Amino acid sequence: MPQLSLAAQGTRTATMSSQTRSSQGSNARGRGRQAAGRVFALTPIEPEDGTLLVEGMILVYSTWVRVLFDIGATHSFISTSCANALRLKTEMVENLLLIESPMGTNSRVDRICKGCVITLADRALNVDLRILDMIGYDVILGMDWLTVYRTVIDYHCRMIIFCLPEGFEVCFIGGKCVSLPFSQSDPCYQCVLRKGSINFLACLRGKEKAQKDITEISVVRKFQDVFPDELPGLPPHREFDFSIEVYPGTDSISVSPYRMTPLELKELKTQLDELLGKGFIRPSTSPWGAPVLFVKKKDDTLRLCIDYRKLNRVIVKNKYPLPRIDDLFDQLKSAKYFSKIDLRTGYHQLRVREEDVPKTAFRTRYGHYEFLVMPFGLTNVPAAFMDLINRVFCAYLDQFVIVFVDDILIYSKSLEEHKQHLVTTLKTLRRHQLYGKLDKSEFWLTEVNLLGHVISEAGIAVDHSKVEVV
């Protein structure tokens, strides 16, 4: 099996190219109706404000290719060069697709590879890929495919969870995006220009964030305790705690610790002390034990990760339904004012059921520990947290609150109504001892970004504010 990516190596330009066609040729191929589509993020450029792209390597048939999961793309695409290299069978589309680039320029797509087999996390899945002249990625999986599998994307961890028809959840961990400088004198850029294509340069830039002063935010200033700098300690036992149910007859699983560098060992000790100080973990004598490893974040700091993959294989999957994005958006029609609350380290705000605490155990050079709060990396965690928040806001869901994992959106038709809704929401968080993160929350908006879309009184549109012409 070839271990080779078909993407252009070292590409420094965020480029979308479309071969110039005569109007006669386009009309000849474009019989039938013309549909519209969008595709935005096209190459591995990472912004500085924590907003991440999720990319990685997947198999298309038996060849490794570079993929981007793009909620800003209405359809799924494969590059012309990749389709040719794989010798994929193509056919004309019934309806011509007009693709809108980040700069508003249109490109026509008239061919498609139907039923392509891709492999994600050892699962073979089908996808229809439209052929698009692009550089930087071999495949873009857009909303037409992501919605079929009810995909949940965790940009913070670069993790994607797919819900398969038979009820199983498949987890895909993406790779790190690379930020590269480029200019018109760049050899890669000039190489693209020489091909005679129409080219666009774009990059994602982070916006400098001013420190928020809670005392200046109307209504919210009366709820400063709901937005602490750190979680105040162990959360209370709630209506239900996070349970870890394994298949009958499963023996305890224990894996030897992974080897670490001296720098990683030093960081491990620091982070263990921090978790112990907060009361989130405690020393363990459990027969269970997962290894730990570090993943480098974009700021070069290290994130501690527990490798629960073997445990996840024997856990009974929670069938709790995650909400459909289009159903959420249906509730926002005619709303004029918005506030969005991001819960602080949301998963750590739910306790693990006492009898299941030993299953969360992890082994390190400095001892054996177990989690008292819901850890990252376990299957069923998103579903359990969604269940918790839905129970907390049950009386207000689809009235003036919608929830998607750890994002709470409050929406109203008038300012006075929004004030009442905001007070009710914050009182509910206070009563249930749930805490928000002020610098990730937004209040009193007439336009809000949610799940890759911009929502306002005018309607819902794909968010392309992060893409600028260089």
Protein backbone atom coordinates (compact mmCIF):
# COMPACT_ATOMS: atom_id res chain seq x y z
CA MET A 1 0.00 0.00 0.00
CA PRO A 2 1.68 3.24 -1.06
CA GLN A 3 2.34 5.65 1.81
CA LEU A 4 2.27 8.74 -0.36
CA SER A 5 0.33 11.98 -0.35
CA LEU A 6 -0.68 13.31 -3.72
CA ALA A 7 -0.85 16.91 -2.47
CA ALA A 8 1.81 19.29 -3.71
CA GLN A 9 4.61 19.21 -1.16
CA GLY A 10 5.67 22.49 0.46
CA THR A 11 2.81 24.52 -0.96
CA ARG A 12 2.93 27.97 0.55
CA THR A 13 0.05 29.59 -1.27
CA ALA A 14 -3.57 29.25 -0.29
CA THR A 15 -4.62 28.77 -3.88
CA MET A 16 -7.71 27.87 -5.82
CA SER A 17 -7.21 27.59 -9.58
CA SER A 18 -9.74 27.35 -12.34
CA GLN A 19 -8.77 26.77 -15.96
CA THR A 20 -10.09 29.48 -18.27
CA ARG A 21 -12.87 28.14 -20.46
CA SER A 22 -14.66 29.62 -23.41
CA SER A 23 -18.29 30.47 -22.89
CA GLN A 24 -19.20 28.05 -25.66
CA GLY A 25 -17.42 25.15 -24.00
CA SER A 26 -18.99 25.93 -20.64
CA ASN A 27 -22.45 26.12 -22.12
CA ALA A 28 -21.98 22.83 -23.93
CA ARG A 29 -21.07 21.04 -20.75
CA GLY A 30 -23.46 22.90 -18.50
CA ARG A 31 -26.75 21.65 -19.82
CA GLY A 32 -29.49 21.57 -17.20
CA ARG A 33 -29.88 23.71 -14.14
CA GLN A 34 -26.93 25.39 -12.47
CA ALA A 35 -26.48 24.89 -8.72
CA ALA A 36 -24.39 27.09 -6.45
CA GLY A 37 -21.75 25.99 -3.99
CA ARG A 38 -18.98 27.36 -1.80
CA VAL A 39 -15.51 26.24 -0.86
CA PHE A 40 -13.30 28.34 1.41
CA ALA A 41 -10.31 27.06 3.42
CA LEU A 42 -8.02 25.48 0.86
CA THR A 43 -4.51 25.12 2.29
CA PRO A 44 -2.79 24.50 5.61
CA ILE A 45 -2.56 28.00 7.08
CA GLU A 46 -3.35 28.27 10.76
CA PRO A 47 -4.73 31.46 12.34
CA GLU A 48 -3.34 32.86 15.55
CA ASP A 49 -6.54 33.18 17.59
CA GLY A 50 -7.09 29.51 18.33
CA THR A 51 -9.42 28.85 15.40
CA LEU A 52 -8.12 25.70 13.78
CA LEU A 53 -8.56 23.78 10.59
CA VAL A 54 -8.87 20.02 10.81
CA GLU A 55 -6.81 18.20 8.23
CA GLY A 56 -5.10 14.85 8.02
CA MET A 57 -4.36 11.81 5.89
CA ILE A 58 -7.00 9.35 4.70
CA LEU A 59 -7.10 6.48 2.25
CA VAL A 60 -8.90 6.91 -1.06
CA TYR A 61 -9.11 3.31 -2.17
CA SER A 62 -5.52 2.20 -1.39
CA THR A 63 -3.66 5.52 -1.62
CA TRP A 64 -2.97 7.99 1.17
CA VAL A 65 -4.13 11.50 0.34
CA ARG A 66 -4.33 14.80 2.20
CA VAL A 67 -7.82 15.77 3.35
CA LEU A 68 -9.42 18.92 4.76
CA PHE A 69 -12.70 18.77 6.70
CA ASP A 70 -14.38 22.02 5.72
CA ILE A 71 -17.75 23.13 7.16
CA GLY A 72 -17.51 26.15 4.87
CA ALA A 73 -17.74 23.94 1.76
CA THR A 74 -21.21 23.01 0.56
CA HIS A 75 -19.94 19.99 -1.39
CA SER A 76 -17.03 17.54 -1.34
CA PHE A 77 -14.20 17.78 -3.86
CA ILE A 78 -11.14 16.00 -5.19
CA SER A 79 -8.33 17.77 -6.99
CA THR A 80 -7.99 17.15 -10.70
CA SER A 81 -4.41 15.91 -10.27
CA CYS A 82 -5.43 13.45 -7.56
CA ALA A 83 -8.36 12.08 -9.58
CA ASN A 84 -6.08 11.60 -12.58
CA ALA A 85 -3.34 9.92 -10.53
CA LEU A 86 -5.84 7.48 -9.02
CA ARG A 87 -7.44 6.92 -12.43
CA LEU A 88 -10.89 7.46 -11.00
CA LYS A 89 -13.90 7.00 -13.22
CA THR A 90 -15.71 10.29 -13.75
CA GLU A 91 -19.03 11.28 -15.26
CA MET A 92 -20.81 14.49 -16.16
CA VAL A 93 -23.00 16.02 -13.46
CA GLU A 94 -26.68 16.45 -14.23
CA ASN A 95 -26.63 20.02 -12.94
CA LEU A 96 -23.61 22.25 -13.37
CA LEU A 97 -22.16 23.40 -10.03
CA LEU A 98 -20.98 26.99 -9.72
CA ILE A 99 -18.35 27.24 -6.98
CA GLU A 100 -17.84 30.52 -5.14
CA SER A 101 -14.25 31.12 -4.06
CA PRO A 102 -13.23 33.13 -0.95
CA MET A 103 -12.95 36.24 -3.11
CA GLY A 104 -16.38 35.83 -4.67
CA THR A 105 -15.09 34.58 -8.03
CA ASN A 106 -16.96 31.65 -9.56
CA SER A 107 -15.64 28.40 -11.01
CA ARG A 108 -17.69 25.77 -12.84
CA VAL A 109 -17.61 22.12 -11.78
CA ASP A 110 -19.08 19.68 -14.29
CA ARG A 111 -17.56 16.27 -13.46
CA ILE A 112 -17.96 13.95 -10.48
CA CYS A 113 -16.50 10.70 -9.14
CA LYS A 114 -19.43 8.84 -7.60
CA GLY A 115 -19.18 6.33 -4.76
CA CYS A 116 -15.49 6.83 -3.99
CA VAL A 117 -14.34 4.65 -1.11
CA ILE A 118 -12.45 6.46 1.65
CA THR A 119 -11.13 4.92 4.85
CA LEU A 120 -11.40 6.75 8.18
CA ALA A 121 -10.40 5.10 11.45
CA ASP A 122 -10.47 1.67 9.75
CA ARG A 123 -13.98 2.28 8.38
CA ALA A 124 -14.71 2.23 4.65
CA LEU A 125 -17.18 4.99 3.73
CA ASN A 126 -18.56 6.24 0.42
CA VAL A 127 -18.48 9.80 -0.85
CA ASP A 128 -19.27 11.54 -4.12
CA LEU A 129 -16.33 13.80 -5.03
CA ARG A 130 -16.64 16.63 -7.53
CA ILE A 131 -13.51 17.42 -9.52
CA LEU A 132 -12.06 20.85 -8.79
CA ASP A 133 -8.75 22.41 -9.86
CA MET A 134 -7.12 23.16 -6.51
CA ILE A 135 -3.68 23.09 -4.97
CA GLY A 136 -2.81 22.20 -1.38
CA TYR A 137 -5.30 19.44 -0.61
CA ASP A 138 -6.19 16.28 -2.48
CA VAL A 139 -9.69 16.00 -1.00
CA ILE A 140 -12.07 18.41 0.72
CA LEU A 141 -14.95 16.82 2.65
CA GLY A 142 -17.76 19.37 2.84
CA MET A 143 -21.18 19.68 4.40
CA ASP A 144 -22.91 17.34 1.93
CA TRP A 145 -20.85 14.49 3.40
CA LEU A 146 -20.36 15.75 6.98
CA THR A 147 -24.10 16.05 7.62
CA VAL A 148 -24.80 12.49 6.43
CA TYR A 149 -22.63 11.14 9.25
CA ARG A 150 -23.82 13.74 11.79
CA THR A 151 -20.28 14.90 12.27
CA VAL A 152 -19.11 16.66 15.43
CA ILE A 153 -15.85 18.60 15.06
CA ASP A 154 -13.74 19.50 18.10
CA TYR A 155 -11.31 22.08 16.68
CA HIS A 156 -9.52 22.42 20.03
CA CYS A 157 -8.39 18.79 19.93
CA ARG A 158 -8.54 18.51 16.11
CA MET A 159 -10.89 15.59 16.65
CA ILE A 160 -13.85 14.58 14.49
CA ILE A 161 -16.57 12.17 15.59
CA PHE A 162 -18.72 10.45 12.96
CA CYS A 163 -22.00 8.70 13.76
CA LEU A 164 -22.34 5.67 11.49
CA PRO A 165 -25.76 4.31 10.41
CA GLU A 166 -25.40 1.24 12.62
CA GLY A 167 -25.01 3.49 15.65
CA PHE A 168 -21.25 3.31 16.13
CA GLU A 169 -19.13 6.39 16.69
CA VAL A 170 -15.87 6.71 14.78
CA CYS A 171 -13.21 9.12 16.02
CA PHE A 172 -10.64 10.70 13.67
CA ILE A 173 -7.71 12.73 15.02
CA GLY A 174 -6.43 15.31 12.55
CA GLY A 175 -2.88 16.52 12.10
CA LYS A 176 -1.33 19.86 12.88
CA CYS A 177 -1.78 22.65 10.35
CA VAL A 178 1.37 24.45 9.32
CA SER A 179 1.59 28.22 8.97
CA LEU A 180 3.97 29.27 6.22
CA PRO A 181 4.86 32.76 4.98
CA PHE A 182 4.52 33.44 1.29
CA SER A 183 4.88 36.28 -1.19
CA GLN A 184 4.61 36.93 -4.90
CA SER A 185 8.31 36.14 -5.23
CA ASP A 186 7.81 32.70 -3.69
CA PRO A 187 8.88 29.96 -6.16
CA CYS A 188 5.68 27.99 -5.48
CA TYR A 189 3.59 31.05 -6.26
CA GLN A 190 5.43 31.73 -9.51
CA CYS A 191 5.13 28.07 -10.47
CA VAL A 192 1.36 28.33 -10.15
CA LEU A 193 1.28 31.54 -12.20
CA ARG A 194 3.19 29.90 -15.04
CA LYS A 195 0.42 27.31 -15.39
CA GLY A 196 -1.83 29.98 -16.85
CA SER A 197 -4.51 29.50 -14.21
CA ILE A 198 -6.66 32.03 -12.41
CA ASN A 199 -5.17 32.13 -8.90
CA PHE A 200 -6.20 33.57 -5.56
CA LEU A 201 -4.04 34.08 -2.50
CA ALA A 202 -5.70 33.92 0.89
CA CYS A 203 -4.64 33.42 4.46
CA LEU A 204 -6.33 33.14 7.81
CA ARG A 205 -5.32 35.83 10.27
CA GLY A 206 -6.06 35.95 13.94
CA LYS A 207 -7.65 39.05 15.39
CA GLU A 208 -6.14 40.65 18.46
CA LYS A 209 -8.53 40.16 21.32
CA ALA A 210 -8.98 42.88 23.89
CA GLN A 211 -9.28 41.78 27.50
CA LYS A 212 -12.94 41.77 28.43
CA ASP A 213 -14.08 43.65 31.53
CA ILE A 214 -17.13 41.91 32.94
CA THR A 215 -18.13 45.02 34.89
CA GLU A 216 -18.80 46.80 31.59
CA ILE A 217 -21.20 44.16 30.22
CA SER A 218 -24.85 44.89 30.93
CA VAL A 219 -26.65 42.18 32.96
CA VAL A 220 -23.59 39.91 32.90
CA ARG A 221 -21.76 42.08 35.47
CA LYS A 222 -24.25 40.84 38.08
CA PHE A 223 -23.10 37.26 37.47
CA GLN A 224 -19.34 37.50 37.87
CA ASP A 225 -19.33 34.25 39.84
CA VAL A 226 -20.53 32.42 36.71
CA PHE A 227 -17.32 33.42 34.88
CA PRO A 228 -14.38 32.55 37.17
CA ASP A 229 -10.79 32.58 35.97
CA GLU A 230 -10.52 28.89 36.87
CA LEU A 231 -13.00 26.20 37.83
CA PRO A 232 -13.50 26.43 41.61
CA GLY A 233 -12.79 22.75 42.19
CA LEU A 234 -14.66 19.48 41.91
CA PRO A 235 -18.17 19.88 40.48
CA PRO A 236 -21.10 18.59 42.54
CA HIS A 237 -22.72 15.22 41.93
CA ARG A 238 -25.56 15.96 39.54
CA GLU A 239 -28.80 14.31 38.44
CA PHE A 240 -26.53 11.80 36.75
CA ASP A 241 -22.76 11.33 36.72
CA PHE A 242 -20.71 10.13 33.77
CA SER A 243 -20.82 6.34 33.60
CA ILE A 244 -18.45 3.98 31.80
CA GLU A 245 -20.28 0.78 30.92
CA VAL A 246 -18.13 -1.93 29.35
CA TYR A 247 -19.28 -5.07 27.59
CA PRO A 248 -19.94 -8.06 29.91
CA GLY A 249 -16.92 -10.27 30.45
CA THR A 250 -14.41 -7.52 29.73
CA ASP A 251 -11.19 -7.83 31.71
CA SER A 252 -9.39 -4.78 33.04
CA ILE A 253 -7.04 -3.15 30.53
CA SER A 254 -3.59 -1.91 31.50
CA VAL A 255 -0.93 -0.57 29.14
CA SER A 256 2.66 0.25 30.05
CA PRO A 257 3.60 3.96 30.11
CA TYR A 258 5.06 5.42 26.94
CA ARG A 259 8.64 6.63 26.91
CA MET A 260 9.06 10.40 27.37
CA THR A 261 11.86 12.89 26.89
CA PRO A 262 13.30 14.75 29.90
CA LEU A 263 11.41 17.88 28.80
CA GLU A 264 8.13 15.94 28.62
CA LEU A 265 8.73 14.37 32.03
CA LYS A 266 9.22 17.81 33.55
CA GLU A 267 5.99 19.04 31.96
CA LEU A 268 4.19 15.87 33.05
CA LYS A 269 5.07 16.49 36.68
CA THR A 270 3.86 20.10 36.43
CA GLN A 271 0.52 19.16 34.90
CA LEU A 272 -0.04 16.29 37.34
CA ASP A 273 0.52 18.66 40.26
CA GLU A 274 -1.97 21.09 38.70
CA LEU A 275 -4.66 18.41 38.26
CA LEU A 276 -4.07 17.14 41.80
CA GLY A 277 -4.31 20.66 43.16
CA LYS A 278 -7.69 21.16 41.50
CA GLY A 279 -8.93 17.84 42.80
CA PHE A 280 -9.63 16.52 39.31
CA ILE A 281 -7.43 13.42 39.79
CA ARG A 282 -6.31 11.32 42.74
CA PRO A 283 -3.75 8.53 43.28
CA SER A 284 -5.08 5.16 42.14
CA THR A 285 -4.64 1.46 42.85
CA SER A 286 -6.92 0.46 39.97
CA PRO A 287 -6.15 -2.62 37.81
CA TRP A 288 -6.99 -0.42 34.83
CA GLY A 289 -4.40 1.92 33.36
CA ALA A 290 -3.94 3.86 30.12
CA PRO A 291 -0.67 5.44 28.97
CA VAL A 292 -0.23 9.18 28.54
CA LEU A 293 1.45 11.22 25.84
CA PHE A 294 1.88 14.86 24.90
CA VAL A 295 0.61 16.68 21.82
CA LYS A 296 2.26 19.97 20.92
CA LYS A 297 -0.17 22.88 20.66
CA LYS A 298 0.17 25.70 18.15
CA ASP A 299 1.93 27.88 20.74
CA ASP A 300 4.48 25.07 21.28
CA THR A 301 3.17 24.24 24.75
CA LEU A 302 2.32 20.61 25.50
CA ARG A 303 -1.17 19.19 26.01
CA LEU A 304 -1.45 16.09 28.19
CA CYS A 305 -3.51 13.36 26.49
CA ILE A 306 -4.63 10.01 27.88
CA ASP A 307 -4.57 7.21 25.31
CA TYR A 308 -7.94 5.58 26.01
CA ARG A 309 -8.18 3.84 22.63
CA LYS A 310 -8.17 0.29 24.02
CA LEU A 311 -10.73 1.19 26.69
CA ASN A 312 -12.94 2.89 24.09
CA ARG A 313 -13.16 -0.35 22.11
CA VAL A 314 -14.93 -2.14 24.97
CA ILE A 315 -17.24 0.68 26.10
CA VAL A 316 -20.94 0.34 25.27
CA LYS A 317 -21.73 3.29 23.01
CA ASN A 318 -24.20 5.92 24.18
CA LYS A 319 -26.92 6.45 21.56
CA TYR A 320 -27.86 9.90 22.82
CA PRO A 321 -28.64 11.98 19.70
CA LEU A 322 -26.48 14.97 18.93
CA PRO A 323 -28.54 17.80 17.39
CA ARG A 324 -28.74 18.37 13.66
CA ILE A 325 -27.14 21.66 12.68
CA ASP A 326 -29.96 22.56 10.30
CA ASP A 327 -32.53 21.94 13.07
CA LEU A 328 -30.65 24.35 15.32
CA PHE A 329 -30.58 27.02 12.64
CA ASP A 330 -34.33 26.66 12.03
CA GLN A 331 -34.94 28.01 15.54
CA LEU A 332 -33.09 31.26 14.83
CA LYS A 333 -35.40 32.70 12.20
CA SER A 334 -36.55 36.26 13.00
CA ALA A 335 -34.12 36.58 15.96
CA LYS A 336 -32.38 39.97 16.17
CA TYR A 337 -30.17 39.81 19.29
CA PHE A 338 -27.75 37.13 20.38
CA SER A 339 -25.40 36.13 23.20
CA LYS A 340 -23.10 33.11 23.16
CA ILE A 341 -21.64 31.46 26.26
CA ASP A 342 -18.72 29.06 26.06
CA LEU A 343 -18.46 26.75 29.06
CA ARG A 344 -15.04 26.66 30.73
CA THR A 345 -13.33 23.28 30.32
CA GLY A 346 -16.83 21.89 29.92
CA TYR A 347 -16.07 18.19 30.28
CA HIS A 348 -14.43 18.75 33.67
CA GLN A 349 -17.75 20.08 35.00
CA LEU A 350 -19.29 16.60 35.16
CA ARG A 351 -18.26 14.02 37.78
CA VAL A 352 -17.45 10.40 36.97
CA ARG A 353 -19.71 7.88 38.70
CA GLU A 354 -17.79 6.60 41.71
CA GLU A 355 -17.84 2.93 40.70
CA ASP A 356 -16.45 3.86 37.27
CA VAL A 357 -13.61 6.09 38.50
CA PRO A 358 -11.08 3.18 38.44
CA LYS A 359 -11.65 2.71 34.69
CA THR A 360 -10.29 6.23 34.04
CA ALA A 361 -6.92 5.35 35.59
CA PHE A 362 -3.73 6.27 33.75
CA ARG A 363 -0.11 5.28 34.35
CA THR A 364 2.85 7.64 34.41
CA ARG A 365 6.50 7.75 35.42
CA TYR A 366 5.37 9.55 38.60
CA GLY A 367 2.55 7.30 39.67
CA HIS A 368 -0.85 5.83 38.94
CA TYR A 369 -3.82 8.24 38.93
CA GLU A 370 -7.55 8.25 38.16
CA PHE A 371 -10.00 10.98 37.16
CA LEU A 372 -12.86 12.16 39.35
CA VAL A 373 -14.19 14.37 36.53
CA MET A 374 -15.00 13.43 32.97
CA PRO A 375 -11.69 13.20 31.07
CA PHE A 376 -11.04 14.13 27.46
CA GLY A 377 -10.56 11.25 25.03
CA LEU A 378 -13.20 8.81 26.24
CA THR A 379 -16.00 7.75 23.92
CA ASN A 380 -19.50 8.88 24.97
CA VAL A 381 -18.10 12.07 26.53
CA PRO A 382 -19.70 14.48 23.98
CA ALA A 383 -23.03 12.66 24.24
CA ALA A 384 -22.96 12.67 28.05
CA PHE A 385 -22.14 16.37 28.23
CA MET A 386 -24.83 17.18 25.66
CA ASP A 387 -27.31 15.21 27.76
CA LEU A 388 -26.35 17.21 30.86
CA ILE A 389 -26.74 20.62 29.22
CA ASN A 390 -30.02 19.63 27.57
CA ARG A 391 -31.42 18.58 30.95
CA VAL A 392 -30.27 21.81 32.55
CA PHE A 393 -31.90 23.97 29.84
CA CYS A 394 -34.78 21.64 28.99
CA ALA A 395 -37.45 24.27 29.78
CA TYR A 396 -35.84 26.85 27.48
CA LEU A 397 -34.61 24.79 24.53
CA ASP A 398 -35.95 26.09 21.22
CA GLN A 399 -37.68 28.90 23.12
CA PHE A 400 -34.67 31.21 23.43
CA VAL A 401 -31.75 28.80 23.93
CA ILE A 402 -30.02 26.34 21.64
CA VAL A 403 -27.11 24.19 22.77
CA PHE A 404 -24.36 22.47 20.81
CA VAL A 405 -22.00 20.54 23.10
CA ASP A 406 -20.39 23.33 25.21
CA ASP A 407 -21.75 26.33 23.27
CA ILE A 408 -24.93 27.97 24.56
CA LEU A 409 -26.63 30.47 22.25
CA ILE A 410 -29.32 32.83 23.57
CA TYR A 411 -31.47 34.50 20.92
CA SER A 412 -34.27 37.08 21.14
CA LYS A 413 -36.47 39.34 19.03
CA SER A 414 -36.03 42.52 21.10
CA LEU A 415 -33.53 44.07 23.52
CA GLU A 416 -35.88 43.87 26.49
CA GLU A 417 -36.65 40.25 25.71
CA HIS A 418 -32.94 39.49 25.36
CA LYS A 419 -32.24 40.99 28.78
CA GLN A 420 -34.81 38.67 30.37
CA HIS A 421 -33.50 35.66 28.46
CA LEU A 422 -29.90 36.41 29.44
CA VAL A 423 -30.82 36.75 33.13
CA THR A 424 -32.72 33.46 33.03
CA THR A 425 -29.81 31.67 31.36
CA LEU A 426 -27.19 32.99 33.79
CA LYS A 427 -29.37 32.18 36.80
CA THR A 428 -29.73 28.64 35.46
CA LEU A 429 -25.96 28.26 35.13
CA ARG A 430 -25.46 29.63 38.64
CA ARG A 431 -28.10 27.30 40.13
CA HIS A 432 -26.48 24.25 38.54
CA GLN A 433 -22.92 25.38 39.34
CA LEU A 434 -21.89 25.49 35.70
CA TYR A 435 -19.26 28.03 34.67
CA GLY A 436 -18.53 29.98 31.50
CA LYS A 437 -15.33 31.30 29.99
CA LEU A 438 -15.64 35.07 29.63
CA ASP A 439 -13.01 35.62 26.95
CA LYS A 440 -14.67 33.02 24.70
CA SER A 441 -18.21 34.31 25.33
CA GLU A 442 -19.99 37.15 23.52
CA PHE A 443 -22.98 39.26 24.52
CA TRP A 444 -25.52 41.68 23.06
CA LEU A 445 -24.73 40.89 19.44
CA THR A 446 -26.77 41.59 16.33
CA GLU A 447 -24.62 39.09 14.42
CA VAL A 448 -23.04 35.94 15.83
CA ASN A 449 -20.73 33.21 14.52
CA LEU A 450 -21.89 29.67 15.25
CA LEU A 451 -20.68 26.40 13.76
CA GLY A 452 -19.02 28.08 10.80
CA HIS A 453 -21.98 30.30 9.96
CA VAL A 454 -22.88 33.95 10.52
CA ILE A 455 -26.35 34.42 12.01
CA SER A 456 -28.21 37.73 11.99
CA GLU A 457 -31.68 39.18 11.48
CA ALA A 458 -31.00 38.99 7.73
CA GLY A 459 -30.58 35.21 7.87
CA ILE A 460 -27.80 32.61 7.98
CA ALA A 461 -24.70 32.68 5.79
CA VAL A 462 -21.39 30.83 5.67
CA ASP A 463 -18.72 32.62 7.71
CA HIS A 464 -15.88 33.77 5.47
CA SER A 465 -14.63 36.65 7.62
CA LYS A 466 -11.49 34.68 8.44
CA VAL A 467 -10.43 34.57 4.81
CA GLU A 468 -8.77 37.71 3.48
CA VAL A 469 -7.03 38.56 0.22
CA VAL A 470 -3.32 39.07 0.77
